[in-house]
Amino acid sequence: MKIDPHSYAENFIAEDHFKSQARARGLELGAVDVTPGAGAYLRHLACTLSAQSIVEVGTGSGVGSLWLLDGMRISGTLTSIDDEMEHTRIARLAFSDAEIAQTRVRLITNPVLDVISKLTDRAYDLVVLRHNPEDLAFVISESHRILRSGGALVIDNFFGGSKVCDPAQRDPKTVALRDAGKIIKNDTEHWVSTLIPVGDGLLVATKL
């Protein structure tokens, strides 16, 4: 039996008990969580950047947060934003189970556009967008503002359930993702980017 390379990559690094428990809680609430393969990539990226300060948009159940915390500096702080109070609640439970120090995570339950516009210029190593807001162009611009030079922006679930690569799909969310890809790909003065086919697609851009 031939093994699908995508499935092999997704399961190359296994999730630990705490991530699996968090994912199960998230499924009950319909949270959008990072896949194991995408999570492993984010951990690797956080480690490569020696990330001290990360912004995550879309806390979900906390699975993605746990992957990022595994890769970033232990002295660093993860700022995770979600507009659903229930997501914040179960993520806090996941961090408690995994014995993550409270000082390492700042959970904010508010609309993304309100929060990201108030974050400090050039203060972050990595921005991860998972719960993609409606105004992606604005968030991309704000991400560039808050990232240090050499910091990275990741848009998770970029394939939009395989819709983005199909020109016939014209719903607002798909069009927004497709346009976001064009903005980043064409803005070679500010970003160097690539598209990684893990999970539901990761659009990765480094700030120049």
N, C-alpha and C. Protein backbone atom coordinates (compact mmCIF):
# COMPACT_ATOMS: atom_id res chain seq x y z
N MET A 1 0.84 -1.19 0.00
CA MET A 1 0.00 0.00 0.00
C MET A 1 0.88 1.25 0.00
N LYS A 2 0.61 2.15 -0.94
CA LYS A 2 1.39 3.38 -1.05
C LYS A 2 0.92 4.39 0.00
N ILE A 3 1.88 4.99 0.75
CA ILE A 3 1.54 5.97 1.76
C ILE A 3 1.54 7.36 1.14
N ASP A 4 0.47 8.11 1.38
CA ASP A 4 0.35 9.47 0.87
C ASP A 4 1.40 10.35 1.55
N PRO A 5 2.26 11.05 0.78
CA PRO A 5 3.31 11.88 1.38
C PRO A 5 2.76 12.97 2.31
N HIS A 6 1.60 13.53 1.96
CA HIS A 6 1.01 14.57 2.79
C HIS A 6 0.64 14.01 4.17
N SER A 7 0.04 12.83 4.19
CA SER A 7 -0.32 12.19 5.46
C SER A 7 0.92 11.84 6.26
N TYR A 8 1.95 11.40 5.56
CA TYR A 8 3.21 11.06 6.23
C TYR A 8 3.80 12.30 6.91
N ALA A 9 3.79 13.42 6.18
CA ALA A 9 4.32 14.67 6.73
C ALA A 9 3.48 15.14 7.92
N GLU A 10 2.17 15.01 7.80
CA GLU A 10 1.27 15.45 8.87
C GLU A 10 1.52 14.70 10.18
N ASN A 11 1.90 13.45 10.06
CA ASN A 11 2.06 12.61 11.24
C ASN A 11 3.52 12.33 11.60
N PHE A 12 4.44 13.06 10.95
CA PHE A 12 5.87 12.84 11.17
C PHE A 12 6.26 13.14 12.61
N ILE A 13 5.72 14.24 13.16
CA ILE A 13 5.93 14.59 14.57
C ILE A 13 4.59 14.39 15.29
N ALA A 14 4.57 13.48 16.22
CA ALA A 14 3.30 13.17 16.92
C ALA A 14 2.97 14.23 17.96
N GLU A 15 1.68 14.45 18.12
CA GLU A 15 1.22 15.36 19.18
C GLU A 15 1.36 14.68 20.54
N ASP A 16 1.68 15.49 21.55
CA ASP A 16 1.75 14.92 22.89
C ASP A 16 0.35 14.86 23.53
N HIS A 17 0.29 14.34 24.72
CA HIS A 17 -0.98 14.15 25.43
C HIS A 17 -1.74 15.46 25.61
N PHE A 18 -1.04 16.53 25.96
CA PHE A 18 -1.71 17.80 26.25
C PHE A 18 -2.34 18.42 25.00
N LYS A 19 -1.65 18.29 23.88
CA LYS A 19 -2.20 18.81 22.62
C LYS A 19 -3.41 17.99 22.19
N SER A 20 -3.32 16.67 22.35
CA SER A 20 -4.44 15.79 21.98
C SER A 20 -5.68 16.07 22.83
N GLN A 21 -5.46 16.30 24.12
CA GLN A 21 -6.58 16.61 25.01
C GLN A 21 -7.20 17.96 24.65
N ALA A 22 -6.36 18.94 24.36
CA ALA A 22 -6.85 20.26 23.97
C ALA A 22 -7.64 20.17 22.66
N ARG A 23 -7.12 19.38 21.70
CA ARG A 23 -7.81 19.23 20.41
C ARG A 23 -9.20 18.62 20.60
N ALA A 24 -9.30 17.63 21.48
CA ALA A 24 -10.59 16.99 21.75
C ALA A 24 -11.60 18.00 22.31
N ARG A 25 -11.14 18.86 23.22
CA ARG A 25 -12.03 19.90 23.76
C ARG A 25 -12.44 20.87 22.66
N GLY A 26 -11.49 21.19 21.78
CA GLY A 26 -11.79 22.11 20.69
C GLY A 26 -12.81 21.56 19.72
N LEU A 27 -12.73 20.27 19.44
CA LEU A 27 -13.69 19.63 18.53
C LEU A 27 -15.12 19.77 19.05
N GLU A 28 -15.26 19.67 20.36
CA GLU A 28 -16.60 19.80 20.96
C GLU A 28 -17.20 21.18 20.73
N LEU A 29 -16.34 22.20 20.64
CA LEU A 29 -16.81 23.58 20.46
C LEU A 29 -16.73 24.05 19.01
N GLY A 30 -16.20 23.20 18.14
CA GLY A 30 -16.05 23.60 16.74
C GLY A 30 -14.92 24.58 16.51
N ALA A 31 -13.90 24.53 17.38
CA ALA A 31 -12.75 25.43 17.25
C ALA A 31 -11.90 25.03 16.04
N VAL A 32 -11.30 26.04 15.39
CA VAL A 32 -10.37 25.77 14.28
C VAL A 32 -8.97 25.68 14.87
N ASP A 33 -8.39 24.49 14.85
CA ASP A 33 -7.07 24.29 15.43
C ASP A 33 -6.07 23.90 14.35
N VAL A 34 -4.81 24.16 14.65
CA VAL A 34 -3.71 23.81 13.76
C VAL A 34 -3.63 22.29 13.63
N THR A 35 -3.27 21.80 12.43
CA THR A 35 -3.07 20.36 12.27
C THR A 35 -1.71 19.98 12.87
N PRO A 36 -1.48 18.70 13.17
CA PRO A 36 -0.19 18.30 13.73
C PRO A 36 0.99 18.69 12.85
N GLY A 37 0.87 18.53 11.55
CA GLY A 37 1.97 18.88 10.64
C GLY A 37 2.25 20.37 10.63
N ALA A 38 1.18 21.18 10.59
CA ALA A 38 1.35 22.63 10.60
C ALA A 38 1.89 23.09 11.96
N GLY A 39 1.42 22.45 13.03
CA GLY A 39 1.90 22.78 14.37
C GLY A 39 3.39 22.51 14.51
N ALA A 40 3.82 21.37 13.98
CA ALA A 40 5.25 21.03 14.05
C ALA A 40 6.08 22.04 13.27
N TYR A 41 5.56 22.49 12.13
CA TYR A 41 6.27 23.51 11.36
C TYR A 41 6.38 24.82 12.15
N LEU A 42 5.28 25.23 12.79
CA LEU A 42 5.28 26.48 13.57
C LEU A 42 6.26 26.39 14.74
N ARG A 43 6.32 25.22 15.37
CA ARG A 43 7.29 25.02 16.45
C ARG A 43 8.71 25.21 15.92
N HIS A 44 8.99 24.61 14.77
CA HIS A 44 10.31 24.70 14.16
C HIS A 44 10.63 26.15 13.80
N LEU A 45 9.64 26.87 13.24
CA LEU A 45 9.86 28.26 12.85
C LEU A 45 10.13 29.13 14.08
N ALA A 46 9.35 28.93 15.14
CA ALA A 46 9.57 29.69 16.38
C ALA A 46 10.97 29.44 16.93
N CYS A 47 11.42 28.20 16.84
CA CYS A 47 12.77 27.84 17.31
C CYS A 47 13.83 28.48 16.43
N THR A 48 13.64 28.44 15.12
CA THR A 48 14.59 29.01 14.17
C THR A 48 14.75 30.52 14.39
N LEU A 49 13.64 31.18 14.70
CA LEU A 49 13.65 32.63 14.93
C LEU A 49 14.13 33.00 16.33
N SER A 50 14.36 31.98 17.18
CA SER A 50 14.62 32.23 18.61
C SER A 50 13.58 33.19 19.16
N ALA A 51 12.31 32.90 18.84
CA ALA A 51 11.21 33.84 19.11
C ALA A 51 11.04 34.13 20.59
N GLN A 52 11.00 35.40 20.90
CA GLN A 52 10.79 35.89 22.25
C GLN A 52 9.36 36.42 22.41
N SER A 53 8.81 36.97 21.32
CA SER A 53 7.46 37.56 21.34
C SER A 53 6.70 37.11 20.11
N ILE A 54 5.56 36.44 20.33
CA ILE A 54 4.74 35.92 19.23
C ILE A 54 3.31 36.40 19.41
N VAL A 55 2.66 36.74 18.30
CA VAL A 55 1.23 37.05 18.29
C VAL A 55 0.51 35.94 17.53
N GLU A 56 -0.51 35.39 18.14
CA GLU A 56 -1.33 34.35 17.50
C GLU A 56 -2.76 34.88 17.40
N VAL A 57 -3.29 34.89 16.20
CA VAL A 57 -4.67 35.33 15.98
C VAL A 57 -5.53 34.09 15.76
N GLY A 58 -6.38 33.79 16.74
CA GLY A 58 -7.19 32.58 16.70
C GLY A 58 -6.64 31.56 17.67
N THR A 59 -7.00 31.70 18.94
CA THR A 59 -6.49 30.81 19.99
C THR A 59 -7.02 29.40 19.83
N GLY A 60 -8.29 29.29 19.40
CA GLY A 60 -8.93 27.97 19.32
C GLY A 60 -8.90 27.29 20.67
N SER A 61 -8.52 26.02 20.69
CA SER A 61 -8.48 25.27 21.95
C SER A 61 -7.12 25.40 22.65
N GLY A 62 -6.17 26.07 21.98
CA GLY A 62 -4.82 26.20 22.54
C GLY A 62 -3.81 25.23 21.95
N VAL A 63 -4.22 24.40 21.00
CA VAL A 63 -3.28 23.44 20.39
C VAL A 63 -2.13 24.18 19.71
N GLY A 64 -2.46 25.17 18.86
CA GLY A 64 -1.43 25.93 18.17
C GLY A 64 -0.53 26.67 19.13
N SER A 65 -1.13 27.19 20.20
CA SER A 65 -0.35 27.91 21.22
C SER A 65 0.68 26.99 21.85
N LEU A 66 0.29 25.75 22.14
CA LEU A 66 1.21 24.80 22.76
C LEU A 66 2.38 24.48 21.83
N TRP A 67 2.10 24.33 20.54
CA TRP A 67 3.18 24.09 19.58
C TRP A 67 4.15 25.27 19.57
N LEU A 68 3.60 26.50 19.53
CA LEU A 68 4.44 27.69 19.50
C LEU A 68 5.27 27.82 20.77
N LEU A 69 4.64 27.55 21.91
CA LEU A 69 5.34 27.64 23.20
C LEU A 69 6.48 26.62 23.27
N ASP A 70 6.29 25.46 22.63
CA ASP A 70 7.35 24.45 22.59
C ASP A 70 8.59 24.95 21.84
N GLY A 71 8.35 25.82 20.84
CA GLY A 71 9.46 26.26 19.99
C GLY A 71 10.10 27.56 20.40
N MET A 72 9.36 28.43 21.06
CA MET A 72 9.89 29.75 21.39
C MET A 72 10.72 29.71 22.67
N ARG A 73 11.41 30.79 22.95
CA ARG A 73 12.22 30.87 24.17
C ARG A 73 11.34 30.73 25.40
N ILE A 74 11.85 30.06 26.40
CA ILE A 74 11.08 29.84 27.63
C ILE A 74 10.86 31.16 28.38
N SER A 75 11.70 32.15 28.09
CA SER A 75 11.54 33.47 28.71
C SER A 75 10.59 34.37 27.94
N GLY A 76 10.10 33.87 26.79
CA GLY A 76 9.27 34.69 25.91
C GLY A 76 7.80 34.71 26.30
N THR A 77 7.04 35.55 25.57
CA THR A 77 5.61 35.70 25.82
C THR A 77 4.82 35.52 24.53
N LEU A 78 3.80 34.67 24.60
CA LEU A 78 2.87 34.46 23.49
C LEU A 78 1.61 35.28 23.77
N THR A 79 1.27 36.18 22.84
CA THR A 79 0.01 36.93 22.92
C THR A 79 -0.97 36.26 21.98
N SER A 80 -2.04 35.69 22.52
CA SER A 80 -3.02 34.97 21.71
C SER A 80 -4.37 35.67 21.78
N ILE A 81 -4.92 35.97 20.60
CA ILE A 81 -6.15 36.76 20.50
C ILE A 81 -7.27 35.91 19.93
N ASP A 82 -8.42 35.96 20.57
CA ASP A 82 -9.61 35.27 20.05
C ASP A 82 -10.84 36.06 20.48
N ASP A 83 -11.86 36.07 19.64
CA ASP A 83 -13.08 36.82 20.01
C ASP A 83 -14.14 35.94 20.67
N GLU A 84 -13.79 34.67 20.93
CA GLU A 84 -14.72 33.73 21.58
C GLU A 84 -14.25 33.44 23.00
N MET A 85 -15.06 33.81 23.97
CA MET A 85 -14.70 33.59 25.38
C MET A 85 -14.53 32.11 25.70
N GLU A 86 -15.32 31.25 25.07
CA GLU A 86 -15.22 29.81 25.32
C GLU A 86 -13.87 29.26 24.86
N HIS A 87 -13.36 29.81 23.76
CA HIS A 87 -12.04 29.38 23.29
C HIS A 87 -10.96 29.76 24.31
N THR A 88 -11.06 30.97 24.81
CA THR A 88 -10.10 31.42 25.82
C THR A 88 -10.15 30.52 27.05
N ARG A 89 -11.36 30.14 27.42
CA ARG A 89 -11.54 29.31 28.62
C ARG A 89 -10.87 27.94 28.46
N ILE A 90 -11.11 27.27 27.33
CA ILE A 90 -10.54 25.93 27.18
C ILE A 90 -9.04 25.99 26.90
N ALA A 91 -8.57 27.08 26.28
CA ALA A 91 -7.13 27.24 26.06
C ALA A 91 -6.43 27.41 27.41
N ARG A 92 -7.04 28.18 28.29
CA ARG A 92 -6.45 28.37 29.62
C ARG A 92 -6.35 27.03 30.35
N LEU A 93 -7.35 26.18 30.15
CA LEU A 93 -7.34 24.84 30.75
C LEU A 93 -6.19 24.00 30.18
N ALA A 94 -5.98 24.13 28.86
CA ALA A 94 -4.88 23.40 28.20
C ALA A 94 -3.53 23.83 28.75
N PHE A 95 -3.35 25.13 28.96
CA PHE A 95 -2.08 25.64 29.49
C PHE A 95 -1.87 25.18 30.92
N SER A 96 -2.95 25.14 31.69
CA SER A 96 -2.86 24.68 33.07
C SER A 96 -2.46 23.20 33.12
N ASP A 97 -3.10 22.39 32.27
CA ASP A 97 -2.78 20.95 32.21
C ASP A 97 -1.30 20.73 31.86
N ALA A 98 -0.80 21.54 30.92
CA ALA A 98 0.58 21.38 30.46
C ALA A 98 1.58 22.11 31.37
N GLU A 99 1.07 22.70 32.44
CA GLU A 99 1.90 23.42 33.42
C GLU A 99 2.71 24.54 32.77
N ILE A 100 2.03 25.31 31.90
CA ILE A 100 2.64 26.48 31.28
C ILE A 100 2.51 27.65 32.26
N ALA A 101 3.61 28.29 32.58
CA ALA A 101 3.58 29.43 33.51
C ALA A 101 2.70 30.54 32.96
N GLN A 102 1.90 31.15 33.82
CA GLN A 102 0.97 32.20 33.40
C GLN A 102 1.70 33.37 32.75
N THR A 103 2.93 33.60 33.14
CA THR A 103 3.70 34.72 32.59
C THR A 103 4.08 34.51 31.12
N ARG A 104 3.95 33.27 30.62
CA ARG A 104 4.37 32.97 29.25
C ARG A 104 3.27 33.23 28.22
N VAL A 105 2.01 33.38 28.69
CA VAL A 105 0.89 33.54 27.77
C VAL A 105 0.03 34.72 28.17
N ARG A 106 -0.27 35.56 27.19
CA ARG A 106 -1.22 36.66 27.40
C ARG A 106 -2.43 36.39 26.51
N LEU A 107 -3.54 36.03 27.12
CA LEU A 107 -4.77 35.72 26.38
C LEU A 107 -5.65 36.96 26.32
N ILE A 108 -6.06 37.33 25.11
CA ILE A 108 -6.92 38.51 24.92
C ILE A 108 -8.18 38.09 24.19
N THR A 109 -9.33 38.37 24.81
CA THR A 109 -10.62 38.04 24.19
C THR A 109 -11.28 39.32 23.73
N ASN A 110 -11.01 39.68 22.48
CA ASN A 110 -11.54 40.90 21.88
C ASN A 110 -11.46 40.78 20.37
N PRO A 111 -12.19 41.62 19.61
CA PRO A 111 -12.06 41.59 18.15
C PRO A 111 -10.62 41.84 17.70
N VAL A 112 -10.18 41.05 16.75
CA VAL A 112 -8.78 41.08 16.29
C VAL A 112 -8.35 42.46 15.82
N LEU A 113 -9.19 43.11 15.01
CA LEU A 113 -8.80 44.38 14.42
C LEU A 113 -8.57 45.44 15.49
N ASP A 114 -9.35 45.37 16.56
CA ASP A 114 -9.17 46.33 17.67
C ASP A 114 -7.85 46.10 18.38
N VAL A 115 -7.49 44.83 18.57
CA VAL A 115 -6.31 44.49 19.37
C VAL A 115 -5.02 44.73 18.58
N ILE A 116 -4.97 44.23 17.35
CA ILE A 116 -3.70 44.25 16.61
C ILE A 116 -3.24 45.67 16.30
N SER A 117 -4.20 46.59 16.16
CA SER A 117 -3.85 47.98 15.86
C SER A 117 -3.21 48.68 17.06
N LYS A 118 -3.33 48.08 18.24
CA LYS A 118 -2.77 48.68 19.46
C LYS A 118 -1.41 48.07 19.86
N LEU A 119 -0.96 47.06 19.13
CA LEU A 119 0.31 46.41 19.48
C LEU A 119 1.50 47.28 19.04
N THR A 120 2.61 47.08 19.73
CA THR A 120 3.80 47.93 19.57
C THR A 120 4.54 47.66 18.26
N ASP A 121 5.04 48.72 17.64
CA ASP A 121 5.83 48.63 16.42
C ASP A 121 7.08 47.78 16.64
N ARG A 122 7.38 46.94 15.64
CA ARG A 122 8.65 46.19 15.57
C ARG A 122 8.99 45.44 16.86
N ALA A 123 7.97 44.92 17.53
CA ALA A 123 8.18 44.29 18.85
C ALA A 123 8.03 42.77 18.83
N TYR A 124 7.69 42.20 17.67
CA TYR A 124 7.35 40.77 17.63
C TYR A 124 8.20 40.03 16.59
N ASP A 125 8.46 38.76 16.91
CA ASP A 125 9.27 37.91 16.04
C ASP A 125 8.42 37.12 15.04
N LEU A 126 7.18 36.85 15.43
CA LEU A 126 6.33 35.96 14.61
C LEU A 126 4.87 36.33 14.84
N VAL A 127 4.10 36.40 13.74
CA VAL A 127 2.65 36.58 13.80
C VAL A 127 2.01 35.41 13.06
N VAL A 128 1.08 34.72 13.72
CA VAL A 128 0.38 33.58 13.12
C VAL A 128 -1.10 33.90 13.05
N LEU A 129 -1.65 33.90 11.83
CA LEU A 129 -3.08 34.13 11.63
C LEU A 129 -3.75 32.80 11.37
N ARG A 130 -4.60 32.39 12.28
CA ARG A 130 -5.32 31.13 12.09
C ARG A 130 -6.81 31.37 11.88
N HIS A 131 -7.38 32.19 12.74
CA HIS A 131 -8.78 32.59 12.59
C HIS A 131 -8.75 33.84 11.72
N ASN A 132 -8.84 33.65 10.39
CA ASN A 132 -8.57 34.76 9.48
C ASN A 132 -9.67 35.82 9.55
N PRO A 133 -9.31 37.04 9.96
CA PRO A 133 -10.29 38.11 10.06
C PRO A 133 -10.79 38.54 8.69
N GLU A 134 -11.89 39.28 8.67
CA GLU A 134 -12.47 39.71 7.39
C GLU A 134 -11.52 40.63 6.64
N ASP A 135 -10.91 41.58 7.34
CA ASP A 135 -10.04 42.55 6.69
C ASP A 135 -8.59 42.07 6.73
N LEU A 136 -8.30 41.08 5.92
CA LEU A 136 -6.95 40.49 5.92
C LEU A 136 -5.89 41.48 5.45
N ALA A 137 -6.25 42.33 4.48
CA ALA A 137 -5.27 43.30 3.98
C ALA A 137 -4.81 44.22 5.11
N PHE A 138 -5.74 44.64 5.96
CA PHE A 138 -5.39 45.49 7.09
C PHE A 138 -4.49 44.75 8.07
N VAL A 139 -4.83 43.49 8.35
CA VAL A 139 -4.04 42.71 9.30
C VAL A 139 -2.64 42.44 8.76
N ILE A 140 -2.51 42.21 7.47
CA ILE A 140 -1.18 42.02 6.87
C ILE A 140 -0.35 43.29 7.05
N SER A 141 -0.95 44.44 6.80
CA SER A 141 -0.26 45.72 6.98
C SER A 141 0.16 45.92 8.43
N GLU A 142 -0.74 45.63 9.37
CA GLU A 142 -0.44 45.77 10.79
C GLU A 142 0.63 44.76 11.23
N SER A 143 0.59 43.57 10.66
CA SER A 143 1.60 42.55 10.99
C SER A 143 2.98 43.03 10.58
N HIS A 144 3.07 43.65 9.40
CA HIS A 144 4.35 44.19 8.96
C HIS A 144 4.84 45.26 9.92
N ARG A 145 3.93 46.07 10.41
CA ARG A 145 4.28 47.15 11.34
C ARG A 145 4.83 46.61 12.66
N ILE A 146 4.20 45.56 13.20
CA ILE A 146 4.58 45.07 14.53
C ILE A 146 5.73 44.08 14.51
N LEU A 147 6.05 43.53 13.33
CA LEU A 147 7.16 42.58 13.23
C LEU A 147 8.50 43.29 13.17
N ARG A 148 9.50 42.69 13.80
CA ARG A 148 10.88 43.15 13.62
C ARG A 148 11.36 42.75 12.24
N SER A 149 12.42 43.37 11.76
CA SER A 149 13.04 42.95 10.51
C SER A 149 13.51 41.50 10.66
N GLY A 150 13.17 40.66 9.70
CA GLY A 150 13.51 39.24 9.79
C GLY A 150 12.46 38.41 10.49
N GLY A 151 11.46 39.08 11.05
CA GLY A 151 10.33 38.35 11.66
C GLY A 151 9.42 37.78 10.58
N ALA A 152 8.55 36.87 10.97
CA ALA A 152 7.75 36.15 9.97
C ALA A 152 6.25 36.25 10.26
N LEU A 153 5.48 36.29 9.18
CA LEU A 153 4.02 36.21 9.22
C LEU A 153 3.61 34.88 8.61
N VAL A 154 2.71 34.16 9.29
CA VAL A 154 2.18 32.90 8.77
C VAL A 154 0.66 32.98 8.71
N ILE A 155 0.09 32.72 7.55
CA ILE A 155 -1.37 32.59 7.42
C ILE A 155 -1.68 31.10 7.32
N ASP A 156 -2.27 30.57 8.39
CA ASP A 156 -2.65 29.15 8.44
C ASP A 156 -3.98 28.97 7.71
N ASN A 157 -4.24 27.74 7.28
CA ASN A 157 -5.48 27.42 6.53
C ASN A 157 -5.61 28.27 5.28
N PHE A 158 -4.47 28.54 4.63
CA PHE A 158 -4.49 29.44 3.48
C PHE A 158 -5.24 28.85 2.28
N PHE A 159 -5.27 27.52 2.18
CA PHE A 159 -5.97 26.90 1.04
C PHE A 159 -7.48 27.04 1.15
N GLY A 160 -7.97 27.39 2.36
CA GLY A 160 -9.41 27.60 2.54
C GLY A 160 -10.25 26.39 2.17
N GLY A 161 -9.79 25.21 2.63
CA GLY A 161 -10.53 23.99 2.28
C GLY A 161 -10.44 23.68 0.80
N SER A 162 -9.27 23.95 0.20
CA SER A 162 -8.96 23.71 -1.22
C SER A 162 -9.71 24.63 -2.17
N LYS A 163 -10.32 25.70 -1.65
CA LYS A 163 -11.07 26.62 -2.50
C LYS A 163 -10.19 27.68 -3.16
N VAL A 164 -9.13 28.11 -2.47
CA VAL A 164 -8.32 29.23 -2.95
C VAL A 164 -7.72 28.95 -4.32
N CYS A 165 -7.30 27.72 -4.56
CA CYS A 165 -6.66 27.38 -5.84
C CYS A 165 -7.68 27.15 -6.97
N ASP A 166 -8.98 27.23 -6.66
CA ASP A 166 -10.03 27.04 -7.66
C ASP A 166 -10.63 28.40 -8.02
N PRO A 167 -10.30 28.95 -9.20
CA PRO A 167 -10.77 30.29 -9.58
C PRO A 167 -12.30 30.43 -9.59
N ALA A 168 -13.01 29.31 -9.71
CA ALA A 168 -14.47 29.36 -9.74
C ALA A 168 -15.08 29.68 -8.37
N GLN A 169 -14.30 29.49 -7.32
CA GLN A 169 -14.79 29.75 -5.95
C GLN A 169 -14.66 31.24 -5.65
N ARG A 170 -15.81 31.92 -5.42
CA ARG A 170 -15.81 33.37 -5.28
C ARG A 170 -16.48 33.86 -4.00
N ASP A 171 -16.61 32.98 -2.99
CA ASP A 171 -17.21 33.43 -1.74
C ASP A 171 -16.25 34.41 -1.06
N PRO A 172 -16.76 35.29 -0.19
CA PRO A 172 -15.93 36.37 0.39
C PRO A 172 -14.67 35.89 1.11
N LYS A 173 -14.76 34.81 1.88
CA LYS A 173 -13.60 34.32 2.61
C LYS A 173 -12.51 33.84 1.66
N THR A 174 -12.92 33.09 0.63
CA THR A 174 -11.95 32.57 -0.35
C THR A 174 -11.28 33.70 -1.11
N VAL A 175 -12.08 34.67 -1.55
CA VAL A 175 -11.54 35.82 -2.28
C VAL A 175 -10.56 36.60 -1.40
N ALA A 176 -10.90 36.76 -0.11
CA ALA A 176 -10.02 37.48 0.81
C ALA A 176 -8.67 36.77 0.96
N LEU A 177 -8.69 35.45 1.09
CA LEU A 177 -7.46 34.68 1.19
C LEU A 177 -6.64 34.77 -0.10
N ARG A 178 -7.31 34.64 -1.22
CA ARG A 178 -6.64 34.71 -2.51
C ARG A 178 -5.97 36.08 -2.70
N ASP A 179 -6.71 37.13 -2.34
CA ASP A 179 -6.17 38.50 -2.45
C ASP A 179 -4.99 38.70 -1.49
N ALA A 180 -5.09 38.12 -0.30
CA ALA A 180 -4.00 38.22 0.67
C ALA A 180 -2.72 37.60 0.10
N GLY A 181 -2.89 36.46 -0.56
CA GLY A 181 -1.73 35.82 -1.19
C GLY A 181 -1.10 36.70 -2.24
N LYS A 182 -1.93 37.37 -3.04
CA LYS A 182 -1.41 38.26 -4.08
C LYS A 182 -0.69 39.46 -3.48
N ILE A 183 -1.27 40.03 -2.40
CA ILE A 183 -0.66 41.18 -1.73
C ILE A 183 0.75 40.84 -1.28
N ILE A 184 0.88 39.71 -0.59
CA ILE A 184 2.18 39.33 -0.03
C ILE A 184 3.15 38.89 -1.13
N LYS A 185 2.68 38.09 -2.06
CA LYS A 185 3.56 37.59 -3.13
C LYS A 185 4.11 38.72 -3.98
N ASN A 186 3.27 39.71 -4.26
CA ASN A 186 3.68 40.80 -5.16
C ASN A 186 4.45 41.91 -4.47
N ASP A 187 4.36 41.98 -3.14
CA ASP A 187 5.04 43.05 -2.41
C ASP A 187 6.46 42.62 -2.04
N THR A 188 7.30 42.49 -3.07
CA THR A 188 8.66 41.97 -2.87
C THR A 188 9.59 42.98 -2.21
N GLU A 189 9.12 44.22 -2.08
CA GLU A 189 9.91 45.23 -1.38
C GLU A 189 9.85 45.02 0.14
N HIS A 190 8.74 44.43 0.62
CA HIS A 190 8.53 44.29 2.06
C HIS A 190 8.54 42.84 2.56
N TRP A 191 8.28 41.87 1.67
CA TRP A 191 8.17 40.48 2.11
C TRP A 191 8.93 39.55 1.16
N VAL A 192 9.49 38.48 1.70
CA VAL A 192 9.91 37.34 0.88
C VAL A 192 9.05 36.17 1.36
N SER A 193 8.36 35.52 0.42
CA SER A 193 7.31 34.59 0.83
C SER A 193 7.42 33.23 0.16
N THR A 194 6.69 32.27 0.74
CA THR A 194 6.58 30.93 0.16
C THR A 194 5.28 30.31 0.64
N LEU A 195 4.85 29.29 -0.07
CA LEU A 195 3.61 28.59 0.27
C LEU A 195 3.96 27.13 0.56
N ILE A 196 3.55 26.67 1.74
CA ILE A 196 3.91 25.32 2.19
C ILE A 196 2.65 24.45 2.26
N PRO A 197 2.62 23.32 1.54
CA PRO A 197 1.42 22.48 1.50
C PRO A 197 1.32 21.51 2.68
N VAL A 198 1.29 22.04 3.89
CA VAL A 198 1.09 21.23 5.08
C VAL A 198 -0.19 21.72 5.75
N GLY A 199 -0.91 20.83 6.41
CA GLY A 199 -2.21 21.20 6.96
C GLY A 199 -3.13 21.62 5.83
N ASP A 200 -3.81 22.76 5.99
CA ASP A 200 -4.63 23.32 4.92
C ASP A 200 -3.90 24.50 4.27
N GLY A 201 -2.57 24.38 4.23
CA GLY A 201 -1.76 25.39 3.58
C GLY A 201 -1.25 26.45 4.53
N LEU A 202 0.05 26.72 4.47
CA LEU A 202 0.66 27.79 5.26
C LEU A 202 1.31 28.78 4.29
N LEU A 203 0.85 30.02 4.29
CA LEU A 203 1.52 31.08 3.55
C LEU A 203 2.50 31.73 4.53
N VAL A 204 3.78 31.66 4.21
CA VAL A 204 4.83 32.14 5.11
C VAL A 204 5.55 33.31 4.45
N ALA A 205 5.68 34.42 5.19
CA ALA A 205 6.34 35.61 4.65
C ALA A 205 7.27 36.19 5.69
N THR A 206 8.51 36.48 5.28
CA THR A 206 9.50 37.09 6.17
C THR A 206 9.59 38.57 5.84
N LYS A 207 9.59 39.39 6.89
CA LYS A 207 9.67 40.85 6.72
C LYS A 207 11.10 41.25 6.36
N LEU A 208 11.21 42.00 5.27
CA LEU A 208 12.52 42.48 4.81
C LEU A 208 12.89 43.76 5.55
